[in-house]
mmCIF file of all heavy atoms, coordinates in Angstrom:
data_MODEL
# 
_entry.id   MODEL 
# 
loop_
_atom_site.group_PDB 
_atom_site.id 
_atom_site.type_symbol 
_atom_site.label_atom_id 
_atom_site.label_alt_id 
_atom_site.label_comp_id 
_atom_site.label_asym_id 
_atom_site.label_entity_id 
_atom_site.label_seq_id 
_atom_site.pdbx_PDB_ins_code 
_atom_site.Cartn_x 
_atom_site.Cartn_y 
_atom_site.Cartn_z 
_atom_site.occupancy 
_atom_site.B_iso_or_equiv 
_atom_site.pdbx_formal_charge 
_atom_site.auth_seq_id 
_atom_site.auth_comp_id 
_atom_site.auth_asym_id 
_atom_site.auth_atom_id 
_atom_site.pdbx_PDB_model_num 
ATOM 1   N N   . GLY A 1 1  ? 18.232 4.537   -0.835  1.00 0.00 ? 1  GLY A N   1 
ATOM 2   C CA  . GLY A 1 1  ? 17.088 5.443   -0.932  1.00 0.00 ? 1  GLY A CA  1 
ATOM 3   C C   . GLY A 1 1  ? 15.785 4.748   -0.573  1.00 0.00 ? 1  GLY A C   1 
ATOM 4   O O   . GLY A 1 1  ? 14.936 5.312   0.129   1.00 0.00 ? 1  GLY A O   1 
ATOM 5   N N   . TRP A 1 2  ? 15.624 3.515   -1.062  1.00 0.00 ? 2  TRP A N   1 
ATOM 6   C CA  . TRP A 1 2  ? 14.432 2.742   -0.698  1.00 0.00 ? 2  TRP A CA  1 
ATOM 7   C C   . TRP A 1 2  ? 14.372 2.498   0.807   1.00 0.00 ? 2  TRP A C   1 
ATOM 8   O O   . TRP A 1 2  ? 13.324 2.643   1.433   1.00 0.00 ? 2  TRP A O   1 
ATOM 9   C CB  . TRP A 1 2  ? 14.447 1.392   -1.414  1.00 0.00 ? 2  TRP A CB  1 
ATOM 10  C CG  . TRP A 1 2  ? 14.199 1.448   -2.885  1.00 0.00 ? 2  TRP A CG  1 
ATOM 11  C CD1 . TRP A 1 2  ? 13.781 2.516   -3.630  1.00 0.00 ? 2  TRP A CD1 1 
ATOM 12  C CD2 . TRP A 1 2  ? 14.347 0.361   -3.802  1.00 0.00 ? 2  TRP A CD2 1 
ATOM 13  N NE1 . TRP A 1 2  ? 13.666 2.163   -4.952  1.00 0.00 ? 2  TRP A NE1 1 
ATOM 14  C CE2 . TRP A 1 2  ? 13.995 0.846   -5.091  1.00 0.00 ? 2  TRP A CE2 1 
ATOM 15  C CE3 . TRP A 1 2  ? 14.745 -0.964  -3.675  1.00 0.00 ? 2  TRP A CE3 1 
ATOM 16  C CZ2 . TRP A 1 2  ? 14.042 0.042   -6.235  1.00 0.00 ? 2  TRP A CZ2 1 
ATOM 17  C CZ3 . TRP A 1 2  ? 14.784 -1.778  -4.800  1.00 0.00 ? 2  TRP A CZ3 1 
ATOM 18  C CH2 . TRP A 1 2  ? 14.433 -1.272  -6.070  1.00 0.00 ? 2  TRP A CH2 1 
ATOM 19  N N   . VAL A 1 3  ? 15.521 2.099   1.373   1.00 0.00 ? 3  VAL A N   1 
ATOM 20  C CA  . VAL A 1 3  ? 15.569 1.767   2.801   1.00 0.00 ? 3  VAL A CA  1 
ATOM 21  C C   . VAL A 1 3  ? 15.191 2.992   3.641   1.00 0.00 ? 3  VAL A C   1 
ATOM 22  O O   . VAL A 1 3  ? 14.399 2.901   4.588   1.00 0.00 ? 3  VAL A O   1 
ATOM 23  C CB  . VAL A 1 3  ? 16.966 1.240   3.177   1.00 0.00 ? 3  VAL A CB  1 
ATOM 24  C CG1 . VAL A 1 3  ? 17.139 1.193   4.708   1.00 0.00 ? 3  VAL A CG1 1 
ATOM 25  C CG2 . VAL A 1 3  ? 17.186 -0.150  2.582   1.00 0.00 ? 3  VAL A CG2 1 
ATOM 26  N N   . ASP A 1 4  ? 15.740 4.146   3.304   1.00 0.00 ? 4  ASP A N   1 
ATOM 27  C CA  . ASP A 1 4  ? 15.407 5.369   4.034   1.00 0.00 ? 4  ASP A CA  1 
ATOM 28  C C   . ASP A 1 4  ? 13.923 5.706   3.878   1.00 0.00 ? 4  ASP A C   1 
ATOM 29  O O   . ASP A 1 4  ? 13.266 6.139   4.837   1.00 0.00 ? 4  ASP A O   1 
ATOM 30  C CB  . ASP A 1 4  ? 16.252 6.537   3.526   1.00 0.00 ? 4  ASP A CB  1 
ATOM 31  C CG  . ASP A 1 4  ? 17.730 6.376   3.855   1.00 0.00 ? 4  ASP A CG  1 
ATOM 32  O OD1 . ASP A 1 4  ? 18.069 5.454   4.629   1.00 0.00 ? 4  ASP A OD1 1 
ATOM 33  O OD2 . ASP A 1 4  ? 18.541 7.153   3.322   1.00 0.00 ? 4  ASP A OD2 1 
ATOM 34  N N   . PHE A 1 5  ? 13.388 5.498   2.677   1.00 0.00 ? 5  PHE A N   1 
ATOM 35  C CA  . PHE A 1 5  ? 11.991 5.822   2.407   1.00 0.00 ? 5  PHE A CA  1 
ATOM 36  C C   . PHE A 1 5  ? 11.038 4.954   3.227   1.00 0.00 ? 5  PHE A C   1 
ATOM 37  O O   . PHE A 1 5  ? 10.115 5.459   3.885   1.00 0.00 ? 5  PHE A O   1 
ATOM 38  C CB  . PHE A 1 5  ? 11.720 5.662   0.910   1.00 0.00 ? 5  PHE A CB  1 
ATOM 39  C CG  . PHE A 1 5  ? 10.311 5.980   0.500   1.00 0.00 ? 5  PHE A CG  1 
ATOM 40  C CD1 . PHE A 1 5  ? 9.796  7.260   0.645   1.00 0.00 ? 5  PHE A CD1 1 
ATOM 41  C CD2 . PHE A 1 5  ? 9.498  4.992   -0.042  1.00 0.00 ? 5  PHE A CD2 1 
ATOM 42  C CE1 . PHE A 1 5  ? 8.505  7.557   0.252   1.00 0.00 ? 5  PHE A CE1 1 
ATOM 43  C CE2 . PHE A 1 5  ? 8.196  5.277   -0.423  1.00 0.00 ? 5  PHE A CE2 1 
ATOM 44  C CZ  . PHE A 1 5  ? 7.695  6.564   -0.283  1.00 0.00 ? 5  PHE A CZ  1 
ATOM 45  N N   . VAL A 1 6  ? 11.272 3.635   3.204   1.00 0.00 ? 6  VAL A N   1 
ATOM 46  C CA  . VAL A 1 6  ? 10.344 2.751   3.915   1.00 0.00 ? 6  VAL A CA  1 
ATOM 47  C C   . VAL A 1 6  ? 10.494 2.891   5.424   1.00 0.00 ? 6  VAL A C   1 
ATOM 48  O O   . VAL A 1 6  ? 9.546  2.644   6.178   1.00 0.00 ? 6  VAL A O   1 
ATOM 49  C CB  . VAL A 1 6  ? 10.528 1.276   3.485   1.00 0.00 ? 6  VAL A CB  1 
ATOM 50  C CG1 . VAL A 1 6  ? 10.328 1.126   1.983   1.00 0.00 ? 6  VAL A CG1 1 
ATOM 51  C CG2 . VAL A 1 6  ? 11.887 0.707   3.910   1.00 0.00 ? 6  VAL A CG2 1 
ATOM 52  N N   . GLU A 1 7  ? 11.658 3.316   5.895   1.00 0.00 ? 7  GLU A N   1 
ATOM 53  C CA  . GLU A 1 7  ? 11.863 3.497   7.330   1.00 0.00 ? 7  GLU A CA  1 
ATOM 54  C C   . GLU A 1 7  ? 10.979 4.618   7.875   1.00 0.00 ? 7  GLU A C   1 
ATOM 55  O O   . GLU A 1 7  ? 10.633 4.624   9.058   1.00 0.00 ? 7  GLU A O   1 
ATOM 56  C CB  . GLU A 1 7  ? 13.343 3.799   7.597   1.00 0.00 ? 7  GLU A CB  1 
ATOM 57  C CG  . GLU A 1 7  ? 13.713 3.994   9.065   1.00 0.00 ? 7  GLU A CG  1 
ATOM 58  C CD  . GLU A 1 7  ? 13.561 2.728   9.907   1.00 0.00 ? 7  GLU A CD  1 
ATOM 59  O OE1 . GLU A 1 7  ? 13.423 1.628   9.325   1.00 0.00 ? 7  GLU A OE1 1 
ATOM 60  O OE2 . GLU A 1 7  ? 13.586 2.844   11.149  1.00 0.00 ? 7  GLU A OE2 1 
ATOM 61  N N   . ARG A 1 8  ? 10.601 5.550   7.017   1.00 0.00 ? 8  ARG A N   1 
ATOM 62  C CA  . ARG A 1 8  ? 9.757  6.666   7.454   1.00 0.00 ? 8  ARG A CA  1 
ATOM 63  C C   . ARG A 1 8  ? 8.289  6.271   7.597   1.00 0.00 ? 8  ARG A C   1 
ATOM 64  O O   . ARG A 1 8  ? 7.479  7.050   8.099   1.00 0.00 ? 8  ARG A O   1 
ATOM 65  C CB  . ARG A 1 8  ? 9.873  7.823   6.454   1.00 0.00 ? 8  ARG A CB  1 
ATOM 66  C CG  . ARG A 1 8  ? 11.262 8.467   6.410   1.00 0.00 ? 8  ARG A CG  1 
ATOM 67  C CD  . ARG A 1 8  ? 11.248 9.716   5.527   1.00 0.00 ? 8  ARG A CD  1 
ATOM 68  N NE  . ARG A 1 8  ? 12.558 10.345  5.474   1.00 0.00 ? 8  ARG A NE  1 
ATOM 69  C CZ  . ARG A 1 8  ? 13.425 10.177  4.488   1.00 0.00 ? 8  ARG A CZ  1 
ATOM 70  N NH1 . ARG A 1 8  ? 13.114 9.381   3.466   1.00 0.00 ? 8  ARG A NH1 1 
ATOM 71  N NH2 . ARG A 1 8  ? 14.588 10.782  4.502   1.00 0.00 ? 8  ARG A NH2 1 
ATOM 72  N N   . SER A 1 9  ? 7.945  5.073   7.146   1.00 0.00 ? 9  SER A N   1 
ATOM 73  C CA  . SER A 1 9  ? 6.555  4.626   7.266   1.00 0.00 ? 9  SER A CA  1 
ATOM 74  C C   . SER A 1 9  ? 6.270  4.177   8.695   1.00 0.00 ? 9  SER A C   1 
ATOM 75  O O   . SER A 1 9  ? 7.170  4.078   9.528   1.00 0.00 ? 9  SER A O   1 
ATOM 76  C CB  . SER A 1 9  ? 6.290  3.473   6.296   1.00 0.00 ? 9  SER A CB  1 
ATOM 77  O OG  . SER A 1 9  ? 6.913  2.287   6.762   1.00 0.00 ? 9  SER A OG  1 
ATOM 78  N N   . ASN A 1 10 ? 5.024  3.874   8.956   1.00 0.00 ? 10 ASN A N   1 
ATOM 79  C CA  . ASN A 1 10 ? 4.640  3.405   10.285  1.00 0.00 ? 10 ASN A CA  1 
ATOM 80  C C   . ASN A 1 10 ? 4.639  1.884   10.376  1.00 0.00 ? 10 ASN A C   1 
ATOM 81  O O   . ASN A 1 10 ? 4.111  1.322   11.334  1.00 0.00 ? 10 ASN A O   1 
ATOM 82  C CB  . ASN A 1 10 ? 3.243  3.938   10.633  1.00 0.00 ? 10 ASN A CB  1 
ATOM 83  C CG  . ASN A 1 10 ? 3.229  5.450   10.767  1.00 0.00 ? 10 ASN A CG  1 
ATOM 84  O OD1 . ASN A 1 10 ? 4.182  6.037   11.281  1.00 0.00 ? 10 ASN A OD1 1 
ATOM 85  N ND2 . ASN A 1 10 ? 2.165  6.083   10.283  1.00 0.00 ? 10 ASN A ND2 1 
ATOM 86  N N   . GLU A 1 11 ? 5.219  1.238   9.369   1.00 0.00 ? 11 GLU A N   1 
ATOM 87  C CA  . GLU A 1 11 ? 5.229  -0.222  9.336   1.00 0.00 ? 11 GLU A CA  1 
ATOM 88  C C   . GLU A 1 11 ? 6.631  -0.759  9.562   1.00 0.00 ? 11 GLU A C   1 
ATOM 89  O O   . GLU A 1 11 ? 7.626  -0.064  9.362   1.00 0.00 ? 11 GLU A O   1 
ATOM 90  C CB  . GLU A 1 11 ? 4.712  -0.716  7.980   1.00 0.00 ? 11 GLU A CB  1 
ATOM 91  C CG  . GLU A 1 11 ? 3.284  -0.313  7.669   1.00 0.00 ? 11 GLU A CG  1 
ATOM 92  C CD  . GLU A 1 11 ? 2.921  -0.734  6.267   1.00 0.00 ? 11 GLU A CD  1 
ATOM 93  O OE1 . GLU A 1 11 ? 3.311  -0.036  5.319   1.00 0.00 ? 11 GLU A OE1 1 
ATOM 94  O OE2 . GLU A 1 11 ? 2.262  -1.778  6.121   1.00 0.00 ? 11 GLU A OE2 1 
ATOM 95  N N   . ARG A 1 12 ? 6.691  -2.017  9.947   1.00 0.00 ? 12 ARG A N   1 
ATOM 96  C CA  . ARG A 1 12 ? 7.966  -2.721  10.066  1.00 0.00 ? 12 ARG A CA  1 
ATOM 97  C C   . ARG A 1 12 ? 8.234  -3.405  8.729   1.00 0.00 ? 12 ARG A C   1 
ATOM 98  O O   . ARG A 1 12 ? 7.461  -4.261  8.291   1.00 0.00 ? 12 ARG A O   1 
ATOM 99  C CB  . ARG A 1 12 ? 7.892  -3.753  11.200  1.00 0.00 ? 12 ARG A CB  1 
ATOM 100 C CG  . ARG A 1 12 ? 9.210  -4.496  11.476  1.00 0.00 ? 12 ARG A CG  1 
ATOM 101 C CD  . ARG A 1 12 ? 9.037  -5.380  12.714  1.00 0.00 ? 12 ARG A CD  1 
ATOM 102 N NE  . ARG A 1 12 ? 10.175 -6.210  12.991  1.00 0.00 ? 12 ARG A NE  1 
ATOM 103 C CZ  . ARG A 1 12 ? 11.246 -5.833  13.687  1.00 0.00 ? 12 ARG A CZ  1 
ATOM 104 N NH1 . ARG A 1 12 ? 11.279 -4.607  14.194  1.00 0.00 ? 12 ARG A NH1 1 
ATOM 105 N NH2 . ARG A 1 12 ? 12.254 -6.665  13.921  1.00 0.00 ? 12 ARG A NH2 1 
ATOM 106 N N   . TRP A 1 13 ? 9.329  -3.045  8.076   1.00 0.00 ? 13 TRP A N   1 
ATOM 107 C CA  . TRP A 1 13 ? 9.661  -3.599  6.766   1.00 0.00 ? 13 TRP A CA  1 
ATOM 108 C C   . TRP A 1 13 ? 10.747 -4.669  6.901   1.00 0.00 ? 13 TRP A C   1 
ATOM 109 O O   . TRP A 1 13 ? 11.571 -4.633  7.817   1.00 0.00 ? 13 TRP A O   1 
ATOM 110 C CB  . TRP A 1 13 ? 10.139 -2.496  5.823   1.00 0.00 ? 13 TRP A CB  1 
ATOM 111 C CG  . TRP A 1 13 ? 9.002  -1.729  5.208   1.00 0.00 ? 13 TRP A CG  1 
ATOM 112 C CD1 . TRP A 1 13 ? 8.126  -0.903  5.855   1.00 0.00 ? 13 TRP A CD1 1 
ATOM 113 C CD2 . TRP A 1 13 ? 8.622  -1.734  3.842   1.00 0.00 ? 13 TRP A CD2 1 
ATOM 114 N NE1 . TRP A 1 13 ? 7.215  -0.384  4.978   1.00 0.00 ? 13 TRP A NE1 1 
ATOM 115 C CE2 . TRP A 1 13 ? 7.495  -0.867  3.711   1.00 0.00 ? 13 TRP A CE2 1 
ATOM 116 C CE3 . TRP A 1 13 ? 9.106  -2.355  2.684   1.00 0.00 ? 13 TRP A CE3 1 
ATOM 117 C CZ2 . TRP A 1 13 ? 6.862  -0.635  2.494   1.00 0.00 ? 13 TRP A CZ2 1 
ATOM 118 C CZ3 . TRP A 1 13 ? 8.481  -2.116  1.471   1.00 0.00 ? 13 TRP A CZ3 1 
ATOM 119 C CH2 . TRP A 1 13 ? 7.368  -1.275  1.378   1.00 0.00 ? 13 TRP A CH2 1 
ATOM 120 N N   . TYR A 1 14 ? 10.717 -5.589  5.947   1.00 0.00 ? 14 TYR A N   1 
ATOM 121 C CA  . TYR A 1 14 ? 11.669 -6.701  5.914   1.00 0.00 ? 14 TYR A CA  1 
ATOM 122 C C   . TYR A 1 14 ? 12.339 -6.739  4.540   1.00 0.00 ? 14 TYR A C   1 
ATOM 123 O O   . TYR A 1 14 ? 11.858 -6.137  3.577   1.00 0.00 ? 14 TYR A O   1 
ATOM 124 C CB  . TYR A 1 14 ? 10.963 -8.026  6.161   1.00 0.00 ? 14 TYR A CB  1 
ATOM 125 C CG  . TYR A 1 14 ? 10.243 -8.099  7.487   1.00 0.00 ? 14 TYR A CG  1 
ATOM 126 C CD1 . TYR A 1 14 ? 8.932  -7.634  7.617   1.00 0.00 ? 14 TYR A CD1 1 
ATOM 127 C CD2 . TYR A 1 14 ? 10.875 -8.615  8.620   1.00 0.00 ? 14 TYR A CD2 1 
ATOM 128 C CE1 . TYR A 1 14 ? 8.277  -7.683  8.831   1.00 0.00 ? 14 TYR A CE1 1 
ATOM 129 C CE2 . TYR A 1 14 ? 10.227 -8.667  9.844   1.00 0.00 ? 14 TYR A CE2 1 
ATOM 130 C CZ  . TYR A 1 14 ? 8.929  -8.195  9.947   1.00 0.00 ? 14 TYR A CZ  1 
ATOM 131 O OH  . TYR A 1 14 ? 8.280  -8.246  11.155  1.00 0.00 ? 14 TYR A OH  1 
ATOM 132 N N   . TYR A 1 15 ? 13.453 -7.435  4.480   1.00 0.00 ? 15 TYR A N   1 
ATOM 133 C CA  . TYR A 1 15 ? 14.093 -7.644  3.181   1.00 0.00 ? 15 TYR A CA  1 
ATOM 134 C C   . TYR A 1 15 ? 14.373 -9.131  2.973   1.00 0.00 ? 15 TYR A C   1 
ATOM 135 O O   . TYR A 1 15 ? 14.632 -9.874  3.921   1.00 0.00 ? 15 TYR A O   1 
ATOM 136 C CB  . TYR A 1 15 ? 15.390 -6.837  3.049   1.00 0.00 ? 15 TYR A CB  1 
ATOM 137 C CG  . TYR A 1 15 ? 16.551 -7.311  3.900   1.00 0.00 ? 15 TYR A CG  1 
ATOM 138 C CD1 . TYR A 1 15 ? 17.461 -8.270  3.418   1.00 0.00 ? 15 TYR A CD1 1 
ATOM 139 C CD2 . TYR A 1 15 ? 16.775 -6.799  5.181   1.00 0.00 ? 15 TYR A CD2 1 
ATOM 140 C CE1 . TYR A 1 15 ? 18.532 -8.689  4.180   1.00 0.00 ? 15 TYR A CE1 1 
ATOM 141 C CE2 . TYR A 1 15 ? 17.844 -7.205  5.946   1.00 0.00 ? 15 TYR A CE2 1 
ATOM 142 C CZ  . TYR A 1 15 ? 18.725 -8.154  5.439   1.00 0.00 ? 15 TYR A CZ  1 
ATOM 143 O OH  . TYR A 1 15 ? 19.786 -8.578  6.199   1.00 0.00 ? 15 TYR A OH  1 
ATOM 144 N N   . LEU A 1 16 ? 14.259 -9.535  1.728   1.00 0.00 ? 16 LEU A N   1 
ATOM 145 C CA  . LEU A 1 16 ? 14.671 -10.867 1.283   1.00 0.00 ? 16 LEU A CA  1 
ATOM 146 C C   . LEU A 1 16 ? 15.957 -10.694 0.495   1.00 0.00 ? 16 LEU A C   1 
ATOM 147 O O   . LEU A 1 16 ? 15.988 -9.964  -0.502  1.00 0.00 ? 16 LEU A O   1 
ATOM 148 C CB  . LEU A 1 16 ? 13.592 -11.493 0.399   1.00 0.00 ? 16 LEU A CB  1 
ATOM 149 C CG  . LEU A 1 16 ? 13.999 -12.720 -0.450  1.00 0.00 ? 16 LEU A CG  1 
ATOM 150 C CD1 . LEU A 1 16 ? 14.451 -13.878 0.431   1.00 0.00 ? 16 LEU A CD1 1 
ATOM 151 C CD2 . LEU A 1 16 ? 12.842 -13.135 -1.361  1.00 0.00 ? 16 LEU A CD2 1 
ATOM 152 N N   . LYS A 1 17 ? 17.014 -11.310 0.951   1.00 0.00 ? 17 LYS A N   1 
ATOM 153 C CA  . LYS A 1 17 ? 18.294 -11.290 0.227   1.00 0.00 ? 17 LYS A CA  1 
ATOM 154 C C   . LYS A 1 17 ? 18.519 -12.661 -0.378  1.00 0.00 ? 17 LYS A C   1 
ATOM 155 O O   . LYS A 1 17 ? 18.532 -13.663 0.339   1.00 0.00 ? 17 LYS A O   1 
ATOM 156 C CB  . LYS A 1 17 ? 19.448 -10.926 1.161   1.00 0.00 ? 17 LYS A CB  1 
ATOM 157 C CG  . LYS A 1 17 ? 20.818 -10.908 0.465   1.00 0.00 ? 17 LYS A CG  1 
ATOM 158 C CD  . LYS A 1 17 ? 21.918 -10.469 1.403   1.00 0.00 ? 17 LYS A CD  1 
ATOM 159 C CE  . LYS A 1 17 ? 23.296 -10.611 0.787   1.00 0.00 ? 17 LYS A CE  1 
ATOM 160 N NZ  . LYS A 1 17 ? 23.488 -9.793  -0.430  1.00 0.00 ? 17 LYS A NZ  1 
ATOM 161 N N   . MET A 1 18 ? 18.680 -12.700 -1.700  1.00 0.00 ? 18 MET A N   1 
ATOM 162 C CA  . MET A 1 18 ? 18.899 -13.959 -2.406  1.00 0.00 ? 18 MET A CA  1 
ATOM 163 C C   . MET A 1 18 ? 20.253 -13.931 -3.100  1.00 0.00 ? 18 MET A C   1 
ATOM 164 O O   . MET A 1 18 ? 20.641 -12.927 -3.700  1.00 0.00 ? 18 MET A O   1 
ATOM 165 C CB  . MET A 1 18 ? 17.797 -14.201 -3.443  1.00 0.00 ? 18 MET A CB  1 
ATOM 166 C CG  . MET A 1 18 ? 16.408 -14.354 -2.849  1.00 0.00 ? 18 MET A CG  1 
ATOM 167 S SD  . MET A 1 18 ? 15.169 -14.843 -4.077  1.00 0.00 ? 18 MET A SD  1 
ATOM 168 C CE  . MET A 1 18 ? 15.079 -13.339 -5.065  1.00 0.00 ? 18 MET A CE  1 
ATOM 169 N N   . ASP A 1 19 ? 20.943 -15.040 -3.017  1.00 0.00 ? 19 ASP A N   1 
ATOM 170 C CA  . ASP A 1 19 ? 22.258 -15.177 -3.637  1.00 0.00 ? 19 ASP A CA  1 
ATOM 171 C C   . ASP A 1 19 ? 22.297 -16.549 -4.303  1.00 0.00 ? 19 ASP A C   1 
ATOM 172 O O   . ASP A 1 19 ? 21.991 -17.564 -3.667  1.00 0.00 ? 19 ASP A O   1 
ATOM 173 C CB  . ASP A 1 19 ? 23.349 -15.052 -2.567  1.00 0.00 ? 19 ASP A CB  1 
ATOM 174 C CG  . ASP A 1 19 ? 24.744 -14.957 -3.170  1.00 0.00 ? 19 ASP A CG  1 
ATOM 175 O OD1 . ASP A 1 19 ? 24.854 -14.737 -4.384  1.00 0.00 ? 19 ASP A OD1 1 
ATOM 176 O OD2 . ASP A 1 19 ? 25.725 -15.107 -2.419  1.00 0.00 ? 19 ASP A OD2 1 
ATOM 177 N N   . VAL A 1 20 ? 22.641 -16.593 -5.578  1.00 0.00 ? 20 VAL A N   1 
ATOM 178 C CA  . VAL A 1 20 ? 22.656 -17.851 -6.323  1.00 0.00 ? 20 VAL A CA  1 
ATOM 179 C C   . VAL A 1 20 ? 23.910 -18.648 -5.981  1.00 0.00 ? 20 VAL A C   1 
ATOM 180 O O   . VAL A 1 20 ? 25.015 -18.101 -5.941  1.00 0.00 ? 20 VAL A O   1 
ATOM 181 C CB  . VAL A 1 20 ? 22.592 -17.589 -7.840  1.00 0.00 ? 20 VAL A CB  1 
ATOM 182 C CG1 . VAL A 1 20 ? 22.655 -18.901 -8.621  1.00 0.00 ? 20 VAL A CG1 1 
ATOM 183 C CG2 . VAL A 1 20 ? 21.315 -16.832 -8.185  1.00 0.00 ? 20 VAL A CG2 1 
ATOM 184 N N   . GLU A 1 21 ? 23.735 -19.911 -5.736  1.00 0.00 ? 21 GLU A N   1 
ATOM 185 C CA  . GLU A 1 21 ? 24.850 -20.784 -5.372  1.00 0.00 ? 21 GLU A CA  1 
ATOM 186 C C   . GLU A 1 21 ? 25.775 -21.008 -6.565  1.00 0.00 ? 21 GLU A C   1 
ATOM 187 O O   . GLU A 1 21 ? 25.357 -21.477 -7.614  1.00 0.00 ? 21 GLU A O   1 
ATOM 188 C CB  . GLU A 1 21 ? 24.316 -22.131 -4.873  1.00 0.00 ? 21 GLU A CB  1 
ATOM 189 C CG  . GLU A 1 21 ? 25.406 -23.104 -4.442  1.00 0.00 ? 21 GLU A CG  1 
ATOM 190 C CD  . GLU A 1 21 ? 24.822 -24.407 -3.919  1.00 0.00 ? 21 GLU A CD  1 
ATOM 191 O OE1 . GLU A 1 21 ? 24.529 -25.285 -4.745  1.00 0.00 ? 21 GLU A OE1 1 
ATOM 192 O OE2 . GLU A 1 21 ? 24.632 -24.506 -2.699  1.00 0.00 ? 21 GLU A OE2 1 
ATOM 193 N N   . LYS A 1 22 ? 27.057 -20.635 -6.408  1.00 0.00 ? 22 LYS A N   1 
ATOM 194 C CA  . LYS A 1 22 ? 28.096 -20.878 -7.414  1.00 0.00 ? 22 LYS A CA  1 
ATOM 195 C C   . LYS A 1 22 ? 27.621 -20.509 -8.817  1.00 0.00 ? 22 LYS A C   1 
ATOM 196 O O   . LYS A 1 22 ? 27.700 -21.292 -9.762  1.00 0.00 ? 22 LYS A O   1 
ATOM 197 C CB  . LYS A 1 22 ? 28.540 -22.348 -7.364  1.00 0.00 ? 22 LYS A CB  1 
ATOM 198 C CG  . LYS A 1 22 ? 29.086 -22.784 -6.029  1.00 0.00 ? 22 LYS A CG  1 
ATOM 199 C CD  . LYS A 1 22 ? 30.296 -21.965 -5.635  1.00 0.00 ? 22 LYS A CD  1 
ATOM 200 C CE  . LYS A 1 22 ? 30.762 -22.228 -4.220  1.00 0.00 ? 22 LYS A CE  1 
ATOM 201 N NZ  . LYS A 1 22 ? 31.817 -21.285 -3.788  1.00 0.00 ? 22 LYS A NZ  1 
ATOM 202 N N   . PHE A 1 23 ? 27.157 -19.280 -8.947  1.00 0.00 ? 23 PHE A N   1 
ATOM 203 C CA  . PHE A 1 23 ? 26.464 -18.848 -10.153 1.00 0.00 ? 23 PHE A CA  1 
ATOM 204 C C   . PHE A 1 23 ? 27.260 -19.123 -11.431 1.00 0.00 ? 23 PHE A C   1 
ATOM 205 O O   . PHE A 1 23 ? 26.788 -19.813 -12.344 1.00 0.00 ? 23 PHE A O   1 
ATOM 206 C CB  . PHE A 1 23 ? 26.127 -17.362 -10.040 1.00 0.00 ? 23 PHE A CB  1 
ATOM 207 C CG  . PHE A 1 23 ? 25.467 -16.777 -11.247 1.00 0.00 ? 23 PHE A CG  1 
ATOM 208 C CD1 . PHE A 1 23 ? 24.371 -17.393 -11.833 1.00 0.00 ? 23 PHE A CD1 1 
ATOM 209 C CD2 . PHE A 1 23 ? 25.939 -15.598 -11.806 1.00 0.00 ? 23 PHE A CD2 1 
ATOM 210 C CE1 . PHE A 1 23 ? 23.748 -16.845 -12.947 1.00 0.00 ? 23 PHE A CE1 1 
ATOM 211 C CE2 . PHE A 1 23 ? 25.324 -15.031 -12.914 1.00 0.00 ? 23 PHE A CE2 1 
ATOM 212 C CZ  . PHE A 1 23 ? 24.232 -15.672 -13.488 1.00 0.00 ? 23 PHE A CZ  1 
ATOM 213 N N   . PHE A 1 24 ? 28.457 -18.593 -11.529 1.00 0.00 ? 24 PHE A N   1 
ATOM 214 C CA  . PHE A 1 24 ? 29.233 -18.757 -12.761 1.00 0.00 ? 24 PHE A CA  1 
ATOM 215 C C   . PHE A 1 24 ? 29.667 -20.204 -12.974 1.00 0.00 ? 24 PHE A C   1 
ATOM 216 O O   . PHE A 1 24 ? 29.759 -20.668 -14.116 1.00 0.00 ? 24 PHE A O   1 
ATOM 217 C CB  . PHE A 1 24 ? 30.444 -17.825 -12.754 1.00 0.00 ? 24 PHE A CB  1 
ATOM 218 C CG  . PHE A 1 24 ? 30.092 -16.368 -12.894 1.00 0.00 ? 24 PHE A CG  1 
ATOM 219 C CD1 . PHE A 1 24 ? 30.112 -15.528 -11.799 1.00 0.00 ? 24 PHE A CD1 1 
ATOM 220 C CD2 . PHE A 1 24 ? 29.717 -15.850 -14.120 1.00 0.00 ? 24 PHE A CD2 1 
ATOM 221 C CE1 . PHE A 1 24 ? 29.778 -14.183 -11.923 1.00 0.00 ? 24 PHE A CE1 1 
ATOM 222 C CE2 . PHE A 1 24 ? 29.373 -14.509 -14.263 1.00 0.00 ? 24 PHE A CE2 1 
ATOM 223 C CZ  . PHE A 1 24 ? 29.407 -13.675 -13.155 1.00 0.00 ? 24 PHE A CZ  1 
# 
């Protein structure tokens, strides 16, 4: 829902994907 919403704007949006190393 967020992705669809920001895509309708006139700006170029980016995402930061973070994943913890060997979390458990």
